[in-house]
C-alpha atoms as a PDB file:
ATOM      1  CA  MET A   1     126.590 114.957 126.448  1.00  0.00           C
ATOM      2  CA  GLU A   2     129.717 114.214 124.431  1.00  0.00           C
ATOM      3  CA  ASP A   3     130.172 114.538 120.620  1.00  0.00           C
ATOM      4  CA  PHE A   4     131.865 111.452 118.929  1.00  0.00           C
ATOM      5  CA  GLU A   5     132.849 111.567 115.156  1.00  0.00           C
ATOM      6  CA  PHE A   6     132.375 108.712 112.792  1.00  0.00           C
ATOM      7  CA  THR A   7     132.792 108.270 108.962  1.00  0.00           C
ATOM      8  CA  CYS A   8     129.624 107.560 106.598  1.00  0.00           C
ATOM      9  CA  TRP A   9     130.547 104.047 105.134  1.00  0.00           C
ATOM     10  CA  ARG A  10     128.805 105.401 101.857  1.00  0.00           C
ATOM     11  CA  CYS A  11     130.180 108.766 101.237  1.00  0.00           C
ATOM     12  CA  GLY A  12     133.147 109.044 103.684  1.00  0.00           C
ATOM     13  CA  GLU A  13     131.587 112.118 105.340  1.00  0.00           C
ATOM     14  CA  THR A  14     132.433 112.924 109.301  1.00  0.00           C
ATOM     15  CA  ASN A  15     129.271 112.976 111.154  1.00  0.00           C
ATOM     16  CA  ILE A  16     128.717 113.993 114.954  1.00  0.00           C
ATOM     17  CA  VAL A  17     126.976 111.462 117.218  1.00  0.00           C
ATOM     18  CA  LYS A  18     125.959 112.731 120.697  1.00  0.00           C
ATOM     19  CA  GLY A  19     126.505 110.171 123.589  1.00  0.00           C
ATOM     20  CA  ARG A  20     124.604 110.305 126.934  1.00  0.00           C
ATOM     21  CA  PRO A  21     126.823 109.568 130.076  1.00  0.00           C
ATOM     22  CA  LYS A  22     125.851 105.977 131.256  1.00  0.00           C
ATOM     23  CA  GLY A  23     125.590 107.022 134.896  1.00  0.00           C
ATOM     24  CA  PHE A  24     124.989 110.141 136.955  1.00  0.00           C
ATOM     25  CA  TRP A  25     128.766 109.983 138.271  1.00  0.00           C
ATOM     26  CA  THR A  26     130.350 108.371 135.290  1.00  0.00           C
ATOM     27  CA  THR A  27     132.021 110.582 132.705  1.00  0.00           C
ATOM     28  CA  THR A  28     134.047 108.253 130.725  1.00  0.00           C
ATOM     29  CA  HIS A  29     131.433 105.640 129.763  1.00  0.00           C
ATOM     30  CA  TYR A  30     128.762 106.625 127.159  1.00  0.00           C
ATOM     31  CA  GLU A  31     125.664 105.371 125.548  1.00  0.00           C
ATOM     32  CA  LEU A  32     125.367 106.035 121.793  1.00  0.00           C
ATOM     33  CA  PRO A  33     123.029 105.588 119.493  1.00  0.00           C
ATOM     34  CA  GLY A  34     123.062 101.920 117.835  1.00  0.00           C
ATOM     35  CA  GLU A  35     122.295 103.311 114.131  1.00  0.00           C
ATOM     36  CA  TRP A  36     122.222 106.763 112.683  1.00  0.00           C
ATOM     37  CA  ASP A  37     121.830 108.428 109.567  1.00  0.00           C
ATOM     38  CA  CYS A  38     124.457 110.404 107.572  1.00  0.00           C
ATOM     39  CA  TRP A  39     123.655 113.949 107.249  1.00  0.00           C
ATOM     40  CA  SER A  40     125.045 114.221 103.821  1.00  0.00           C
ATOM     41  CA  CYS A  41     123.823 111.163 101.985  1.00  0.00           C
ATOM     42  CA  GLY A  42     121.118 109.835 104.379  1.00  0.00           C
ATOM     43  CA  ALA A  43     122.601 106.498 104.486  1.00  0.00           C
ATOM     44  CA  LEU A  44     121.924 103.964 107.415  1.00  0.00           C
ATOM     45  CA  ASN A  45     124.901 103.633 109.719  1.00  0.00           C
ATOM     46  CA  THR A  46     126.052 101.446 112.299  1.00  0.00           C
ATOM     47  CA  THR A  47     127.642 102.709 115.370  1.00  0.00           C
ATOM     48  CA  PRO A  48     131.163 100.386 116.058  1.00  0.00           C
ATOM     49  CA  ASP A  49     131.379  98.569 119.424  1.00  0.00           C
ATOM     50  CA  ASP A  50     134.703 100.314 120.068  1.00  0.00           C
END
């Protein structure tokens, strides 16, 4: 598991999103959830493609 930081579009708080490795041997490509809720305001956010 790897931690990624994203900023909430509504309140600007930093959120930590956990990513899983895409393959057993791959440690450079991670799968992230497409949407996540902000821990501070509860707004639904979308994970950017890049």
